[in-house]
């Protein structure tokens, strides 16, 4: 592989190729200057009527080679450690421009250059090594170019003409704010620059263990409340999971990626064909209201492992978990805000709506007020001109309201899923003074 100095080294080799394009016959048509090849940006080239003709080679675009880019697609493992160090594969685009002060000079220069490129479509290792050979009194850059490793890279550099249209060339020259000159675009591919990163060498395999087990994949057919498939599910509800090959001593029951295996009731009706899962009145941490996914994973004990691995997973089913308000209170003695506690956590990005239903003499009056929860679901009043503090009580939200003093039943909606009203006597209420 080549080092970063291979980029200018390739330009040096191409300049030598254009120098070798000079005809062996009479060069008098070139005038006093002789055959000249430069490597300057077009806007820095100033040619007058008395200046001789000139070929200019300019690198105007560098792009990653798509073939080499996808060859080693996986460069890091799951832990973020680098496991491969593929080379940086580049396609280089050069603009070759001919300048002449007399008729036909520019065209003659360009014709000889094109024929030289046509006759040498591949830069061989020997040609590159000869072009980069150190001169008698080498400079520092000469030494860097000679040691670039360009001649030793694993793939040869191939040359071809970019078939740019007249519009493409016009846009290219207009970017330099210069008038067009006779020019062609040359593609040199591929330049391989070696990575400076050393990949981590994997540990050697000390032992090989092969374990064979019968594959009985669990299949979930339905998930619903114990009282019936049409009844809502909320904290405190018992759910039934039915299907095929559900239970296993090594199983893990996941509800939205929360492990609830310990909630399975082994004495439940139909066990183990049907799993009975009583949800607690206060849900486990990280379980929020809304659509819940259900998945069962069976473990496989591999020889040498202390615990089974969860390798066999079921299909994923789902159910809707309705939010449940656990408590509510007026905030700080002001009628304008309430604190609402839930029987589960509230995600910071969940959409929460609070509804206050007026209660007079133990009956609903039909009057409702909205309590607005600010963005981010804060558990304390958000400051006006300061950063919002981190949430401490993840099951609490703060909301402000325009409700008048009185008694109110508190209902909630989380991500469009409404809490279940039971009765005015048992539902959570708040008194605003």
Protein backbone atom coordinates (compact mmCIF):
# COMPACT_ATOMS: atom_id res chain seq x y z
CA UNK A 1 0.00 0.00 0.00
CA UNK A 2 1.02 3.60 -0.57
CA UNK A 3 1.39 6.45 1.88
CA UNK A 4 -0.15 9.95 1.46
CA UNK A 5 2.80 11.09 -0.69
CA UNK A 6 1.52 8.71 -3.39
CA UNK A 7 -1.02 11.39 -4.33
CA UNK A 8 1.58 13.91 -5.55
CA UNK A 9 3.76 11.01 -6.75
CA UNK A 10 1.06 9.95 -9.19
CA UNK A 11 0.90 13.50 -10.54
CA UNK A 12 4.67 13.42 -10.97
CA UNK A 13 4.45 10.15 -12.93
CA UNK A 14 1.70 11.53 -15.17
CA UNK A 15 3.78 14.65 -15.82
CA UNK A 16 6.67 12.40 -16.84
CA UNK A 17 4.32 10.51 -19.15
CA UNK A 18 3.33 13.79 -20.81
CA UNK A 19 6.98 14.77 -21.08
CA UNK A 20 7.67 11.45 -22.82
CA UNK A 21 4.88 12.29 -25.28
CA UNK A 22 7.18 14.73 -27.08
CA UNK A 23 7.83 13.57 -30.67
CA UNK A 24 11.31 12.46 -31.60
CA UNK A 25 11.12 14.45 -34.83
CA UNK A 26 11.56 18.17 -35.38
CA UNK A 27 10.20 20.30 -32.50
CA UNK A 28 10.74 23.61 -34.21
CA UNK A 29 7.00 24.20 -34.38
CA UNK A 30 7.12 24.75 -30.61
CA UNK A 31 9.36 27.78 -30.86
CA UNK A 32 12.16 28.64 -28.43
CA UNK A 33 10.49 27.21 -25.31
CA UNK A 34 10.55 23.57 -26.39
CA UNK A 35 8.25 20.90 -24.95
CA UNK A 36 6.96 22.10 -21.57
CA UNK A 37 4.62 20.42 -19.02
CA UNK A 38 3.47 22.24 -15.87
CA UNK A 39 1.28 21.31 -12.88
CA UNK A 40 -0.42 24.55 -11.90
CA UNK A 41 -4.01 25.64 -11.28
CA UNK A 42 -5.37 27.11 -14.54
CA UNK A 43 -5.91 30.54 -12.97
CA UNK A 44 -2.17 30.82 -12.21
CA UNK A 45 -1.06 30.24 -15.80
CA UNK A 46 -0.32 33.50 -17.61
CA UNK A 47 0.61 33.06 -21.27
CA UNK A 48 1.44 35.94 -23.60
CA UNK A 49 1.96 36.07 -27.33
CA UNK A 50 5.71 35.59 -26.93
CA UNK A 51 5.42 32.62 -24.56
CA UNK A 52 5.95 29.17 -25.93
CA UNK A 53 3.34 26.41 -25.99
CA UNK A 54 2.58 24.53 -22.79
CA UNK A 55 0.80 21.41 -21.52
CA UNK A 56 -0.69 21.75 -18.05
CA UNK A 57 -1.77 18.88 -15.76
CA UNK A 58 -4.14 19.84 -12.93
CA UNK A 59 -5.85 17.60 -10.32
CA UNK A 60 -9.37 19.01 -10.06
CA UNK A 61 -11.37 16.22 -8.39
CA UNK A 62 -10.77 13.33 -5.98
CA UNK A 63 -13.44 10.69 -5.32
CA UNK A 64 -13.64 7.40 -3.48
CA UNK A 65 -13.55 4.31 -5.67
CA UNK A 66 -16.94 2.56 -5.20
CA UNK A 67 -15.62 -0.95 -5.83
CA UNK A 68 -12.89 -0.85 -3.20
CA UNK A 69 -15.10 1.11 -0.81
CA UNK A 70 -17.56 -1.79 -0.55
CA UNK A 71 -14.95 -4.55 -0.47
CA UNK A 72 -14.44 -4.36 3.33
CA UNK A 73 -17.81 -3.02 4.39
CA UNK A 74 -17.50 -4.16 8.02
CA UNK A 75 -14.61 -2.38 9.72
CA UNK A 76 -15.76 -2.36 13.38
CA UNK A 77 -17.24 -4.99 15.67
CA UNK A 78 -20.24 -4.60 17.95
CA UNK A 79 -18.06 -3.10 20.71
CA UNK A 80 -16.74 -0.40 18.36
CA UNK A 81 -13.27 -1.96 18.07
CA UNK A 82 -11.64 -1.68 14.64
CA UNK A 83 -11.28 -5.15 13.14
CA UNK A 84 -10.18 -4.17 9.63
CA UNK A 85 -8.16 -1.35 8.11
CA UNK A 86 -9.05 -1.23 4.41
CA UNK A 87 -7.09 1.20 2.23
CA UNK A 88 -8.46 4.54 1.16
CA UNK A 89 -9.22 3.87 -2.53
CA UNK A 90 -9.29 7.01 -4.67
CA UNK A 91 -10.19 7.92 -8.25
CA UNK A 92 -8.28 10.98 -9.44
CA UNK A 93 -9.56 13.32 -12.14
CA UNK A 94 -7.03 15.51 -13.95
CA UNK A 95 -7.55 18.34 -16.41
CA UNK A 96 -4.99 18.35 -19.24
CA UNK A 97 -4.92 21.69 -21.04
CA UNK A 98 -2.88 22.78 -24.07
CA UNK A 99 -1.73 26.38 -24.49
CA UNK A 100 -0.26 27.84 -27.66
CA UNK A 101 0.43 31.33 -28.97
CA UNK A 102 0.55 30.30 -32.63
CA UNK A 103 -1.99 28.46 -34.79
CA UNK A 104 -2.08 24.69 -34.40
CA UNK A 105 0.38 24.62 -31.49
CA UNK A 106 -2.20 23.79 -28.79
CA UNK A 107 -3.86 21.15 -30.97
CA UNK A 108 -0.50 19.54 -31.75
CA UNK A 109 0.43 19.38 -28.08
CA UNK A 110 -2.93 17.87 -27.15
CA UNK A 111 -2.76 15.33 -29.97
CA UNK A 112 0.65 14.03 -28.86
CA UNK A 113 -0.53 13.89 -25.23
CA UNK A 114 -3.68 11.91 -26.10
CA UNK A 115 -1.72 9.42 -28.15
CA UNK A 116 0.74 8.88 -25.28
CA UNK A 117 -2.15 8.20 -22.89
CA UNK A 118 -3.75 5.86 -25.42
CA UNK A 119 -0.53 3.87 -25.82
CA UNK A 120 -0.06 3.48 -22.05
CA UNK A 121 -3.46 2.78 -20.46
CA UNK A 122 -1.80 1.13 -17.43
CA UNK A 123 1.03 2.56 -15.35
CA UNK A 124 3.24 -0.46 -14.72
CA UNK A 125 5.37 -0.82 -11.61
CA UNK A 126 8.56 -0.51 -13.67
CA UNK A 127 7.41 2.71 -15.33
CA UNK A 128 6.37 4.24 -11.97
CA UNK A 129 9.68 3.23 -10.35
CA UNK A 130 11.65 4.75 -13.24
CA UNK A 131 9.66 8.00 -13.10
CA UNK A 132 10.19 8.31 -9.33
CA UNK A 133 13.89 7.50 -9.42
CA UNK A 134 15.88 9.99 -7.38
CA UNK A 135 17.80 12.61 -9.39
CA UNK A 136 21.46 13.36 -8.80
CA UNK A 137 20.75 16.06 -6.21
CA UNK A 138 17.40 15.07 -4.69
CA UNK A 139 15.30 17.51 -2.71
CA UNK A 140 13.21 16.60 0.33
CA UNK A 141 10.05 16.23 -1.77
CA UNK A 142 11.92 14.03 -4.29
CA UNK A 143 12.79 11.65 -1.46
CA UNK A 144 9.20 11.58 -0.21
CA UNK A 145 7.86 10.83 -3.70
CA UNK A 146 10.38 8.02 -4.23
CA UNK A 147 9.41 6.46 -0.88
CA UNK A 148 5.64 6.84 -1.40
CA UNK A 149 5.10 3.16 -2.22
CA UNK A 150 3.12 3.96 -5.37
CA UNK A 151 5.01 1.37 -7.42
CA UNK A 152 4.32 -1.36 -4.83
CA UNK A 153 0.55 -0.99 -4.42
CA UNK A 154 -1.40 -4.18 -5.08
CA UNK A 155 -3.46 -2.84 -8.00
CA UNK A 156 -2.11 -1.06 -11.05
CA UNK A 157 -3.16 2.49 -11.88
CA UNK A 158 -5.27 2.60 -15.04
CA UNK A 159 -5.76 5.64 -17.21
CA UNK A 160 -8.80 6.55 -19.29
CA UNK A 161 -10.41 9.68 -20.67
CA UNK A 162 -13.49 11.15 -18.97
CA UNK A 163 -16.01 11.85 -21.69
CA UNK A 164 -17.06 15.25 -20.36
CA UNK A 165 -19.66 17.04 -22.44
CA UNK A 166 -19.21 20.57 -23.72
CA UNK A 167 -21.51 21.82 -20.96
CA UNK A 168 -19.43 20.04 -18.29
CA UNK A 169 -16.23 21.58 -19.61
CA UNK A 170 -17.89 25.01 -19.84
CA UNK A 171 -19.00 24.79 -16.20
CA UNK A 172 -15.52 23.64 -15.20
CA UNK A 173 -13.82 26.57 -16.86
CA UNK A 174 -16.42 29.08 -15.69
CA UNK A 175 -15.58 28.02 -12.13
CA UNK A 176 -12.05 29.33 -12.75
CA UNK A 177 -13.52 32.45 -14.39
CA UNK A 178 -11.36 31.79 -17.44
CA UNK A 179 -12.02 31.31 -21.12
CA UNK A 180 -12.03 27.75 -22.42
CA UNK A 181 -8.86 26.19 -23.76
CA UNK A 182 -8.36 22.90 -25.65
CA UNK A 183 -8.54 20.38 -22.79
CA UNK A 184 -9.52 16.85 -21.79
CA UNK A 185 -10.33 15.17 -18.48
CA UNK A 186 -8.17 12.19 -17.46
CA UNK A 187 -9.30 9.53 -14.93
CA UNK A 188 -6.59 7.69 -12.99
CA UNK A 189 -7.88 4.73 -10.98
CA UNK A 190 -7.21 3.37 -8.46
CA UNK A 191 -4.85 4.91 -5.89
CA UNK A 192 -4.68 2.89 -2.66
CA UNK A 193 -3.54 4.77 0.45
CA UNK A 194 -2.84 2.52 3.43
CA UNK A 195 -4.64 3.25 6.68
CA UNK A 196 -2.68 4.48 9.66
CA UNK A 197 -4.94 2.59 12.06
CA UNK A 198 -3.87 -0.82 13.28
CA UNK A 199 -6.88 -3.15 13.59
CA UNK A 200 -7.32 -5.17 16.75
CA UNK A 201 -6.25 -8.76 16.25
CA UNK A 202 -8.91 -11.21 17.50
CA UNK A 203 -7.92 -13.71 20.15
CA UNK A 204 -7.06 -17.18 18.88
CA UNK A 205 -9.60 -19.97 19.21
CA UNK A 206 -8.50 -22.22 22.07
CA UNK A 207 -11.37 -24.71 21.94
CA UNK A 208 -14.27 -25.53 19.65
CA UNK A 209 -17.61 -26.58 21.09
CA UNK A 210 -20.54 -27.82 19.03
CA UNK A 211 -23.94 -28.07 20.69
CA UNK A 212 -26.99 -29.60 19.03
CA UNK A 213 -30.47 -29.08 20.44
CA UNK A 214 -33.96 -29.74 19.07
CA UNK A 215 -35.50 -26.56 17.75
CA UNK A 216 -38.92 -25.90 19.28
CA UNK A 217 -39.63 -22.27 18.50
CA UNK A 218 -42.27 -20.71 20.74
CA UNK A 219 -45.25 -19.25 18.90
CA UNK A 220 -47.47 -16.55 20.44
CA UNK A 221 -51.06 -16.75 19.19
CA UNK A 222 -52.77 -14.08 21.31
CA UNK A 223 -52.25 -11.65 24.20
CA UNK A 224 -55.29 -10.26 26.04
CA UNK A 225 -56.81 -9.47 29.42
CA UNK A 226 -57.82 -12.45 31.56
CA UNK A 227 -61.44 -11.28 31.69
CA UNK A 228 -61.82 -11.29 27.90
CA UNK A 229 -60.18 -10.34 24.66
CA UNK A 230 -62.20 -7.09 24.41
CA UNK A 231 -61.38 -5.80 27.90
CA UNK A 232 -58.72 -3.08 28.28
CA UNK A 233 -55.37 -3.74 29.91
CA UNK A 234 -54.00 -1.35 32.55
CA UNK A 235 -51.67 -1.63 35.55
CA UNK A 236 -53.13 -4.27 37.87
CA UNK A 237 -54.69 -6.28 35.03
CA UNK A 238 -53.83 -9.96 34.55
CA UNK A 239 -52.97 -10.83 30.96
CA UNK A 240 -53.01 -14.23 29.29
CA UNK A 241 -50.49 -15.27 26.64
CA UNK A 242 -51.55 -18.28 24.61
CA UNK A 243 -49.79 -20.13 21.83
CA UNK A 244 -47.56 -23.14 21.24
CA UNK A 245 -44.38 -24.25 23.08
CA UNK A 246 -44.39 -21.10 25.20
CA UNK A 247 -42.98 -22.29 28.50
CA UNK A 248 -39.42 -23.40 29.08
CA UNK A 249 -37.39 -23.42 32.31
CA UNK A 250 -34.83 -21.17 30.63
CA UNK A 251 -37.35 -18.79 29.10
CA UNK A 252 -37.36 -15.00 29.21
CA UNK A 253 -40.58 -13.02 28.80
CA UNK A 254 -40.07 -9.54 27.39
CA UNK A 255 -42.71 -6.82 27.31
CA UNK A 256 -41.32 -3.94 25.24
CA UNK A 257 -37.79 -5.18 26.05
CA UNK A 258 -38.53 -5.18 29.82
CA UNK A 259 -37.90 -8.56 31.46
CA UNK A 260 -41.11 -9.58 33.29
CA UNK A 261 -40.35 -13.30 33.58
CA UNK A 262 -40.73 -13.17 37.36
CA UNK A 263 -44.35 -12.00 37.00
CA UNK A 264 -45.47 -15.31 35.42
CA UNK A 265 -47.87 -17.16 37.72
CA UNK A 266 -47.02 -20.91 37.60
CA UNK A 267 -50.33 -21.66 39.28
CA UNK A 268 -52.30 -19.88 36.58
CA UNK A 269 -55.09 -21.69 34.76
CA UNK A 270 -53.83 -23.58 31.72
CA UNK A 271 -50.16 -23.32 32.68
CA UNK A 272 -47.79 -23.99 30.93
CA UNK A 273 -49.75 -23.99 27.65
CA UNK A 274 -51.09 -20.55 28.59
CA UNK A 275 -48.96 -18.07 30.51
CA UNK A 276 -50.73 -16.02 33.19
CA UNK A 277 -49.02 -12.70 33.90
CA UNK A 278 -50.55 -10.50 36.65
CA UNK A 279 -49.35 -6.96 36.00
CA UNK A 280 -48.63 -5.18 39.30
CA UNK A 281 -50.52 -2.04 40.27
CA UNK A 282 -47.22 -0.20 39.90
CA UNK A 283 -45.43 -1.29 36.75
CA UNK A 284 -41.70 -2.19 36.67
CA UNK A 285 -39.16 0.47 35.78
CA UNK A 286 -38.90 1.50 32.12
CA UNK A 287 -42.38 0.14 31.30
CA UNK A 288 -44.56 2.92 29.92
CA UNK A 289 -48.13 3.14 28.70
CA UNK A 290 -48.98 2.66 25.04
CA UNK A 291 -48.53 -0.15 22.55
CA UNK A 292 -46.52 -2.98 24.12
CA UNK A 293 -44.65 -5.74 22.28
CA UNK A 294 -44.50 -9.26 23.70
CA UNK A 295 -41.71 -11.72 22.91
CA UNK A 296 -40.58 -15.02 24.44
CA UNK A 297 -37.01 -16.27 24.23
CA UNK A 298 -35.82 -19.75 25.12
CA UNK A 299 -32.31 -20.34 26.37
CA UNK A 300 -29.83 -22.88 25.04
CA UNK A 301 -27.14 -24.18 27.39
CA UNK A 302 -23.87 -24.51 25.50
CA UNK A 303 -21.11 -26.61 26.94
CA UNK A 304 -18.76 -24.45 28.97
CA UNK A 305 -21.25 -21.61 29.51
CA UNK A 306 -22.43 -20.97 33.10
CA UNK A 307 -25.89 -19.81 32.00
CA UNK A 308 -28.10 -20.49 28.95
CA UNK A 309 -28.04 -18.15 25.99
CA UNK A 310 -31.28 -16.68 24.64
CA UNK A 311 -30.96 -18.03 21.12
CA UNK A 312 -34.50 -19.15 20.22
CA UNK A 313 -37.05 -16.34 19.93
CA UNK A 314 -40.77 -16.34 19.29
CA UNK A 315 -42.75 -14.13 16.99
CA UNK A 316 -43.60 -10.67 18.34
CA UNK A 317 -47.18 -9.94 19.41
CA UNK A 318 -48.61 -6.80 20.98
CA UNK A 319 -51.29 -5.33 23.21
CA UNK A 320 -52.35 -1.84 24.30
CA UNK A 321 -51.50 -0.83 27.87
CA UNK A 322 -53.76 1.96 29.08
CA UNK A 323 -52.30 4.56 31.44
CA UNK A 324 -53.54 4.72 35.05
CA UNK A 325 -53.48 7.78 37.27
CA UNK A 326 -52.28 6.82 40.78
CA UNK A 327 -52.50 10.17 42.57
CA UNK A 328 -52.99 13.89 41.95
CA UNK A 329 -52.53 17.04 43.99
CA UNK A 330 -52.63 20.78 43.59
CA UNK A 331 -49.16 22.23 43.16
CA UNK A 332 -48.02 24.70 45.80
CA UNK A 333 -51.45 25.92 46.72
CA UNK A 334 -52.10 27.56 43.37
CA UNK A 335 -55.23 26.83 41.41
CA UNK A 336 -53.28 27.01 38.16
CA UNK A 337 -51.25 23.78 38.36
CA UNK A 338 -51.56 20.12 39.34
CA UNK A 339 -49.10 17.28 39.92
CA UNK A 340 -50.23 13.95 38.48
CA UNK A 341 -48.60 10.67 39.48
CA UNK A 342 -48.99 7.58 37.30
CA UNK A 343 -48.71 3.87 38.10
CA UNK A 344 -45.89 3.68 35.56
CA UNK A 345 -43.12 5.80 34.14
CA UNK A 346 -43.76 8.53 31.58
CA UNK A 347 -41.25 8.81 28.76
CA UNK A 348 -39.76 12.24 28.15
CA UNK A 349 -40.91 12.17 24.51
CA UNK A 350 -44.37 10.76 25.14
CA UNK A 351 -47.40 12.92 24.47
CA UNK A 352 -49.39 13.38 27.70
CA UNK A 353 -52.79 15.05 28.05
CA UNK A 354 -54.60 15.61 31.36
CA UNK A 355 -58.38 16.12 31.59
CA UNK A 356 -60.13 17.44 34.72
CA UNK A 357 -63.84 16.51 35.03
CA UNK A 358 -65.80 18.58 37.54
CA UNK A 359 -67.37 16.65 40.43
CA UNK A 360 -70.15 18.19 42.59
CA UNK A 361 -71.77 16.23 45.43
CA UNK A 362 -70.17 13.02 44.15
CA UNK A 363 -71.54 13.38 40.61
CA UNK A 364 -70.05 14.54 37.33
CA UNK A 365 -71.40 17.84 36.03
CA UNK A 366 -70.18 17.36 32.48
CA UNK A 367 -67.80 20.34 32.74
CA UNK A 368 -64.27 19.53 31.65
CA UNK A 369 -60.99 21.43 31.75
CA UNK A 370 -57.69 20.61 30.11
CA UNK A 371 -54.48 20.63 32.09
CA UNK A 372 -51.60 21.33 29.71
CA UNK A 373 -48.36 19.36 30.15
CA UNK A 374 -45.31 21.27 28.84
CA UNK A 375 -42.99 19.67 26.33
CA UNK A 376 -40.64 17.14 27.89
CA UNK A 377 -43.18 16.14 30.58
CA UNK A 378 -41.49 17.93 33.52
CA UNK A 379 -42.19 16.75 37.07
CA UNK A 380 -41.75 20.27 38.51
CA UNK A 381 -42.75 23.72 37.23
CA UNK A 382 -40.40 24.51 34.32
CA UNK A 383 -38.23 27.61 34.97
CA UNK A 384 -38.82 30.66 32.81
CA UNK A 385 -35.28 31.76 31.98
CA UNK A 386 -33.14 28.78 32.95
CA UNK A 387 -32.43 25.29 31.65
CA UNK A 388 -35.06 22.73 32.57
CA UNK A 389 -33.84 20.53 35.45
CA UNK A 390 -33.55 16.78 34.98
CA UNK A 391 -36.62 14.78 35.90
CA UNK A 392 -36.45 13.07 39.29
CA UNK A 393 -39.85 11.37 39.52
CA UNK A 394 -40.26 9.63 36.18
CA UNK A 395 -43.89 8.73 36.93
CA UNK A 396 -44.98 12.34 37.59
CA UNK A 397 -45.98 15.19 35.29
CA UNK A 398 -46.68 18.84 36.05
CA UNK A 399 -49.56 20.55 34.25
CA UNK A 400 -51.13 24.01 34.35
CA UNK A 401 -54.86 24.58 33.99
CA UNK A 402 -57.52 27.29 33.94
CA UNK A 403 -59.99 25.24 35.98
CA UNK A 404 -61.95 27.05 38.69
CA UNK A 405 -61.71 26.00 42.35
CA UNK A 406 -63.54 22.75 43.03
CA UNK A 407 -63.27 18.96 42.93
CA UNK A 408 -62.22 17.18 39.73
CA UNK A 409 -61.74 13.64 38.52
CA UNK A 410 -58.36 13.24 36.83
CA UNK A 411 -58.12 11.35 33.54
CA UNK A 412 -55.10 11.07 31.25
CA UNK A 413 -54.09 10.15 27.74
CA UNK A 414 -50.57 8.96 26.83
CA UNK A 415 -49.58 8.73 23.18
CA UNK A 416 -53.26 8.73 22.26
CA UNK A 417 -54.15 5.88 24.66
CA UNK A 418 -56.69 7.02 27.28
CA UNK A 419 -56.90 5.95 30.89
CA UNK A 420 -59.92 3.83 31.89
CA UNK A 421 -62.60 5.64 33.96
CA UNK A 422 -64.15 3.29 36.53
CA UNK A 423 -66.35 5.24 38.95
CA UNK A 424 -66.37 8.71 40.42
CA UNK A 425 -66.00 7.24 43.90
CA UNK A 426 -62.87 5.18 43.21
CA UNK A 427 -61.10 7.20 40.51
CA UNK A 428 -58.37 9.66 41.48
CA UNK A 429 -59.64 13.18 42.21
CA UNK A 430 -57.98 16.49 42.96
CA UNK A 431 -59.26 19.49 44.87
CA UNK A 432 -58.33 22.95 43.59
CA UNK A 433 -58.65 25.82 46.02
